[in-house]
PDB file of N, CA and C in Angstrom:
ATOM      1  N   MET A   1      79.628  38.813  25.726  1.00  0.00           N
ATOM      2  CA  MET A   1      79.155  37.440  25.749  1.00  0.00           C
ATOM      3  C   MET A   1      78.737  37.088  27.168  1.00  0.00           C
ATOM      4  N   SER A   2      77.568  36.548  27.290  1.00  0.00           N
ATOM      5  CA  SER A   2      77.046  36.172  28.603  1.00  0.00           C
ATOM      6  C   SER A   2      76.710  34.684  28.598  1.00  0.00           C
ATOM      7  N   THR A   3      77.237  33.985  29.559  1.00  0.00           N
ATOM      8  CA  THR A   3      76.955  32.561  29.676  1.00  0.00           C
ATOM      9  C   THR A   3      76.318  32.307  31.024  1.00  0.00           C
ATOM     10  N   ARG A   4      75.240  31.601  31.041  1.00  0.00           N
ATOM     11  CA  ARG A   4      74.595  31.256  32.299  1.00  0.00           C
ATOM     12  C   ARG A   4      75.217  29.994  32.864  1.00  0.00           C
ATOM     13  N   VAL A   5      75.432  30.032  34.155  1.00  0.00           N
ATOM     14  CA  VAL A   5      75.985  28.877  34.846  1.00  0.00           C
ATOM     15  C   VAL A   5      74.903  28.351  35.785  1.00  0.00           C
ATOM     16  N   ALA A   6      74.658  27.074  35.719  1.00  0.00           N
ATOM     17  CA  ALA A   6      73.644  26.476  36.590  1.00  0.00           C
ATOM     18  C   ALA A   6      74.094  26.559  38.042  1.00  0.00           C
ATOM     19  N   MET A   7      73.172  26.924  38.931  1.00  0.00           N
ATOM     20  CA  MET A   7      73.490  26.978  40.353  1.00  0.00           C
ATOM     21  C   MET A   7      73.302  25.595  40.962  1.00  0.00           C
ATOM     22  N   LEU A   8      74.187  25.271  41.858  1.00  0.00           N
ATOM     23  CA  LEU A   8      74.053  24.005  42.572  1.00  0.00           C
ATOM     24  C   LEU A   8      72.845  24.057  43.489  1.00  0.00           C
ATOM     25  N   SER A   9      72.261  22.928  43.742  1.00  0.00           N
ATOM     26  CA  SER A   9      71.156  22.837  44.689  1.00  0.00           C
ATOM     27  C   SER A   9      71.293  21.520  45.447  1.00  0.00           C
ATOM     28  N   GLY A  10      70.562  21.402  46.510  1.00  0.00           N
ATOM     29  CA  GLY A  10      70.595  20.178  47.294  1.00  0.00           C
ATOM     30  C   GLY A  10      70.709  20.483  48.773  1.00  0.00           C
ATOM     31  N   ASP A  11      70.649  19.416  49.576  1.00  0.00           N
ATOM     32  CA  ASP A  11      70.621  19.609  51.027  1.00  0.00           C
ATOM     33  C   ASP A  11      72.005  19.809  51.632  1.00  0.00           C
ATOM     34  N   ALA A  12      73.041  19.914  50.816  1.00  0.00           N
ATOM     35  CA  ALA A  12      74.381  20.169  51.343  1.00  0.00           C
ATOM     36  C   ALA A  12      74.969  21.472  50.797  1.00  0.00           C
ATOM     37  N   VAL A  13      74.147  22.253  50.072  1.00  0.00           N
ATOM     38  CA  VAL A  13      74.648  23.467  49.448  1.00  0.00           C
ATOM     39  C   VAL A  13      74.352  24.673  50.333  1.00  0.00           C
ATOM     40  N   VAL A  14      75.386  25.418  50.642  1.00  0.00           N
ATOM     41  CA  VAL A  14      75.248  26.686  51.355  1.00  0.00           C
ATOM     42  C   VAL A  14      75.919  27.759  50.508  1.00  0.00           C
ATOM     43  N   ARG A  15      75.516  29.002  50.726  1.00  0.00           N
ATOM     44  CA  ARG A  15      76.070  30.093  49.938  1.00  0.00           C
ATOM     45  C   ARG A  15      76.472  31.247  50.837  1.00  0.00           C
ATOM     46  N   ILE A  16      77.433  32.016  50.371  1.00  0.00           N
ATOM     47  CA  ILE A  16      77.796  33.261  51.033  1.00  0.00           C
ATOM     48  C   ILE A  16      77.726  34.358  49.980  1.00  0.00           C
ATOM     49  N   HIS A  17      76.965  35.394  50.319  1.00  0.00           N
ATOM     50  CA  HIS A  17      76.827  36.548  49.437  1.00  0.00           C
ATOM     51  C   HIS A  17      77.428  37.760  50.139  1.00  0.00           C
ATOM     52  N   TRP A  18      77.946  38.669  49.355  1.00  0.00           N
ATOM     53  CA  TRP A  18      78.480  39.916  49.880  1.00  0.00           C
ATOM     54  C   TRP A  18      77.453  41.002  49.614  1.00  0.00           C
ATOM     55  N   LYS A  19      77.104  41.783  50.650  1.00  0.00           N
ATOM     56  CA  LYS A  19      76.195  42.906  50.464  1.00  0.00           C
ATOM     57  C   LYS A  19      76.981  44.053  49.844  1.00  0.00           C
ATOM     58  N   LEU A  20      76.659  44.372  48.617  1.00  0.00           N
ATOM     59  CA  LEU A  20      77.356  45.379  47.836  1.00  0.00           C
ATOM     60  C   LEU A  20      77.449  46.701  48.608  1.00  0.00           C
ATOM     61  N   GLY A  21      78.642  47.251  48.645  1.00  0.00           N
ATOM     62  CA  GLY A  21      78.861  48.532  49.291  1.00  0.00           C
ATOM     63  C   GLY A  21      79.019  48.469  50.797  1.00  0.00           C
ATOM     64  N   THR A  22      79.099  47.256  51.353  1.00  0.00           N
ATOM     65  CA  THR A  22      79.262  47.089  52.799  1.00  0.00           C
ATOM     66  C   THR A  22      80.358  46.066  53.066  1.00  0.00           C
ATOM     67  N   ASP A  23      80.637  45.848  54.343  1.00  0.00           N
ATOM     68  CA  ASP A  23      81.553  44.781  54.753  1.00  0.00           C
ATOM     69  C   ASP A  23      80.777  43.559  55.230  1.00  0.00           C
ATOM     70  N   VAL A  24      79.486  43.527  54.963  1.00  0.00           N
ATOM     71  CA  VAL A  24      78.602  42.481  55.476  1.00  0.00           C
ATOM     72  C   VAL A  24      78.536  41.303  54.502  1.00  0.00           C
ATOM     73  N   LEU A  25      78.691  40.111  55.055  1.00  0.00           N
ATOM     74  CA  LEU A  25      78.507  38.865  54.314  1.00  0.00           C
ATOM     75  C   LEU A  25      77.211  38.228  54.795  1.00  0.00           C
ATOM     76  N   VAL A  26      76.499  37.566  53.885  1.00  0.00           N
ATOM     77  CA  VAL A  26      75.249  36.902  54.234  1.00  0.00           C
ATOM     78  C   VAL A  26      75.401  35.424  53.909  1.00  0.00           C
ATOM     79  N   GLY A  27      75.281  34.579  54.933  1.00  0.00           N
ATOM     80  CA  GLY A  27      75.311  33.135  54.733  1.00  0.00           C
ATOM     81  C   GLY A  27      73.891  32.637  54.547  1.00  0.00           C
ATOM     82  N   VAL A  28      73.694  31.771  53.557  1.00  0.00           N
ATOM     83  CA  VAL A  28      72.364  31.243  53.264  1.00  0.00           C
ATOM     84  C   VAL A  28      72.431  29.723  53.271  1.00  0.00           C
ATOM     85  N   CYS A  29      71.629  29.114  54.124  1.00  0.00           N
ATOM     86  CA  CYS A  29      71.530  27.655  54.202  1.00  0.00           C
ATOM     87  C   CYS A  29      70.579  27.158  53.118  1.00  0.00           C
ATOM     88  N   HIS A  30      70.666  25.882  52.787  1.00  0.00           N
ATOM     89  CA  HIS A  30      69.766  25.304  51.786  1.00  0.00           C
ATOM     90  C   HIS A  30      68.306  25.403  52.205  1.00  0.00           C
ATOM     91  N   CYS A  31      68.053  25.526  53.519  1.00  0.00           N
ATOM     92  CA  CYS A  31      66.673  25.621  54.004  1.00  0.00           C
ATOM     93  C   CYS A  31      66.129  27.040  53.901  1.00  0.00           C
ATOM     94  N   GLY A  32      66.998  27.996  53.540  1.00  0.00           N
ATOM     95  CA  GLY A  32      66.571  29.377  53.408  1.00  0.00           C
ATOM     96  C   GLY A  32      66.937  30.258  54.591  1.00  0.00           C
ATOM     97  N   ALA A  33      67.416  29.668  55.684  1.00  0.00           N
ATOM     98  CA  ALA A  33      67.838  30.458  56.840  1.00  0.00           C
ATOM     99  C   ALA A  33      69.044  31.308  56.456  1.00  0.00           C
ATOM    100  N   GLU A  34      69.084  32.532  56.988  1.00  0.00           N
ATOM    101  CA  GLU A  34      70.177  33.442  56.675  1.00  0.00           C
ATOM    102  C   GLU A  34      70.807  33.973  57.947  1.00  0.00           C
ATOM    103  N   HIS A  35      72.086  34.297  57.845  1.00  0.00           N
ATOM    104  CA  HIS A  35      72.833  34.885  58.963  1.00  0.00           C
ATOM    105  C   HIS A  35      73.801  35.896  58.374  1.00  0.00           C
ATOM    106  N   GLU A  36      73.851  37.094  58.986  1.00  0.00           N
ATOM    107  CA  GLU A  36      74.750  38.142  58.503  1.00  0.00           C
ATOM    108  C   GLU A  36      75.903  38.335  59.471  1.00  0.00           C
ATOM    109  N   SER A  37      77.063  38.636  58.925  1.00  0.00           N
ATOM    110  CA  SER A  37      78.236  38.890  59.755  1.00  0.00           C
ATOM    111  C   SER A  37      79.302  39.602  58.921  1.00  0.00           C
ATOM    112  N   GLU A  38      80.108  40.408  59.590  1.00  0.00           N
ATOM    113  CA  GLU A  38      81.276  40.989  58.931  1.00  0.00           C
ATOM    114  C   GLU A  38      82.485  40.067  59.085  1.00  0.00           C
ATOM    115  N   ASP A  39      82.363  39.073  59.944  1.00  0.00           N
ATOM    116  CA  ASP A  39      83.454  38.144  60.228  1.00  0.00           C
ATOM    117  C   ASP A  39      83.230  36.839  59.461  1.00  0.00           C
ATOM    118  N   PRO A  40      84.063  36.565  58.449  1.00  0.00           N
ATOM    119  CA  PRO A  40      83.860  35.348  57.662  1.00  0.00           C
ATOM    120  C   PRO A  40      83.993  34.061  58.478  1.00  0.00           C
ATOM    121  N   VAL A  41      84.836  34.071  59.504  1.00  0.00           N
ATOM    122  CA  VAL A  41      84.995  32.873  60.342  1.00  0.00           C
ATOM    123  C   VAL A  41      83.689  32.592  61.093  1.00  0.00           C
ATOM    124  N   GLU A  42      83.099  33.630  61.676  1.00  0.00           N
ATOM    125  CA  GLU A  42      81.816  33.461  62.379  1.00  0.00           C
ATOM    126  C   GLU A  42      80.745  32.938  61.434  1.00  0.00           C
ATOM    127  N   LEU A  43      80.730  33.488  60.216  1.00  0.00           N
ATOM    128  CA  LEU A  43      79.726  33.071  59.246  1.00  0.00           C
ATOM    129  C   LEU A  43      79.894  31.610  58.862  1.00  0.00           C
ATOM    130  N   TRP A  44      81.128  31.161  58.605  1.00  0.00           N
ATOM    131  CA  TRP A  44      81.355  29.753  58.272  1.00  0.00           C
ATOM    132  C   TRP A  44      81.012  28.839  59.443  1.00  0.00           C
ATOM    133  N   GLU A  45      81.328  29.262  60.664  1.00  0.00           N
ATOM    134  CA  GLU A  45      80.970  28.452  61.833  1.00  0.00           C
ATOM    135  C   GLU A  45      79.457  28.285  61.913  1.00  0.00           C
ATOM    136  N   TRP A  46      78.726  29.371  61.658  1.00  0.00           N
ATOM    137  CA  TRP A  46      77.260  29.288  61.682  1.00  0.00           C
ATOM    138  C   TRP A  46      76.762  28.352  60.577  1.00  0.00           C
ATOM    139  N   LEU A  47      77.275  28.526  59.361  1.00  0.00           N
ATOM    140  CA  LEU A  47      76.832  27.686  58.247  1.00  0.00           C
ATOM    141  C   LEU A  47      77.126  26.204  58.489  1.00  0.00           C
ATOM    142  N   LEU A  48      78.298  25.898  59.005  1.00  0.00           N
ATOM    143  CA  LEU A  48      78.662  24.496  59.221  1.00  0.00           C
ATOM    144  C   LEU A  48      77.888  23.874  60.379  1.00  0.00           C
ATOM    145  N   ALA A  49      77.466  24.672  61.347  1.00  0.00           N
ATOM    146  CA  ALA A  49      76.703  24.152  62.485  1.00  0.00           C
ATOM    147  C   ALA A  49      75.210  24.142  62.202  1.00  0.00           C
ATOM    148  N   HIS A  50      74.724  25.035  61.349  1.00  0.00           N
ATOM    149  CA  HIS A  50      73.288  25.194  61.121  1.00  0.00           C
ATOM    150  C   HIS A  50      72.570  23.939  60.637  1.00  0.00           C
ATOM    151  N   PRO A  51      73.130  23.125  59.766  1.00  0.00           N
ATOM    152  CA  PRO A  51      72.372  21.969  59.289  1.00  0.00           C
ATOM    153  C   PRO A  51      71.961  20.958  60.359  1.00  0.00           C
ATOM    154  N   ASP A  52      72.531  21.037  61.571  1.00  0.00           N
ATOM    155  CA  ASP A  52      72.121  20.103  62.631  1.00  0.00           C
ATOM    156  C   ASP A  52      70.611  20.162  62.798  1.00  0.00           C
ATOM    157  N   GLY A  53      69.973  19.009  62.719  1.00  0.00           N
ATOM    158  CA  GLY A  53      68.533  18.935  62.907  1.00  0.00           C
ATOM    159  C   GLY A  53      67.726  19.047  61.630  1.00  0.00           C
ATOM    160  N   HIS A  54      68.359  19.166  60.479  1.00  0.00           N
ATOM    161  CA  HIS A  54      67.613  19.207  59.227  1.00  0.00           C
ATOM    162  C   HIS A  54      67.198  17.810  58.803  1.00  0.00           C
ATOM    163  N   GLY A  55      65.998  17.461  59.043  1.00  0.00           N
ATOM    164  CA  GLY A  55      65.403  16.231  58.527  1.00  0.00           C
ATOM    165  C   GLY A  55      66.262  14.981  58.635  1.00  0.00           C
ATOM    166  N   GLY A  56      66.871  14.723  59.792  1.00  0.00           N
ATOM    167  CA  GLY A  56      67.622  13.502  59.997  1.00  0.00           C
ATOM    168  C   GLY A  56      69.033  13.510  59.450  1.00  0.00           C
ATOM    169  N   ARG A  57      69.451  14.612  58.916  1.00  0.00           N
ATOM    170  CA  ARG A  57      70.828  14.691  58.406  1.00  0.00           C
ATOM    171  C   ARG A  57      71.798  14.742  59.580  1.00  0.00           C
ATOM    172  N   ASP A  58      72.709  13.817  59.627  1.00  0.00           N
ATOM    173  CA  ASP A  58      73.684  13.746  60.725  1.00  0.00           C
ATOM    174  C   ASP A  58      74.953  14.470  60.351  1.00  0.00           C
ATOM    175  N   ARG A  59      75.560  15.084  61.349  1.00  0.00           N
ATOM    176  CA  ARG A  59      76.853  15.725  61.162  1.00  0.00           C
ATOM    177  C   ARG A  59      77.824  15.157  62.162  1.00  0.00           C
TER     178      ARG A  59
END
């Protein structure tokens, strides 16, 4: 049984993907910018700081 789940979207949605077969995580901002890291803390810091300057969105 396969059920599709709708993906969230919007200007506050970020994602982290794992590169299969590696220790690499890929952070993806809603604007499409990506950052790779093996360190999840570094990746979250980048994702949380990256939205600065997106179309008037204040942090």
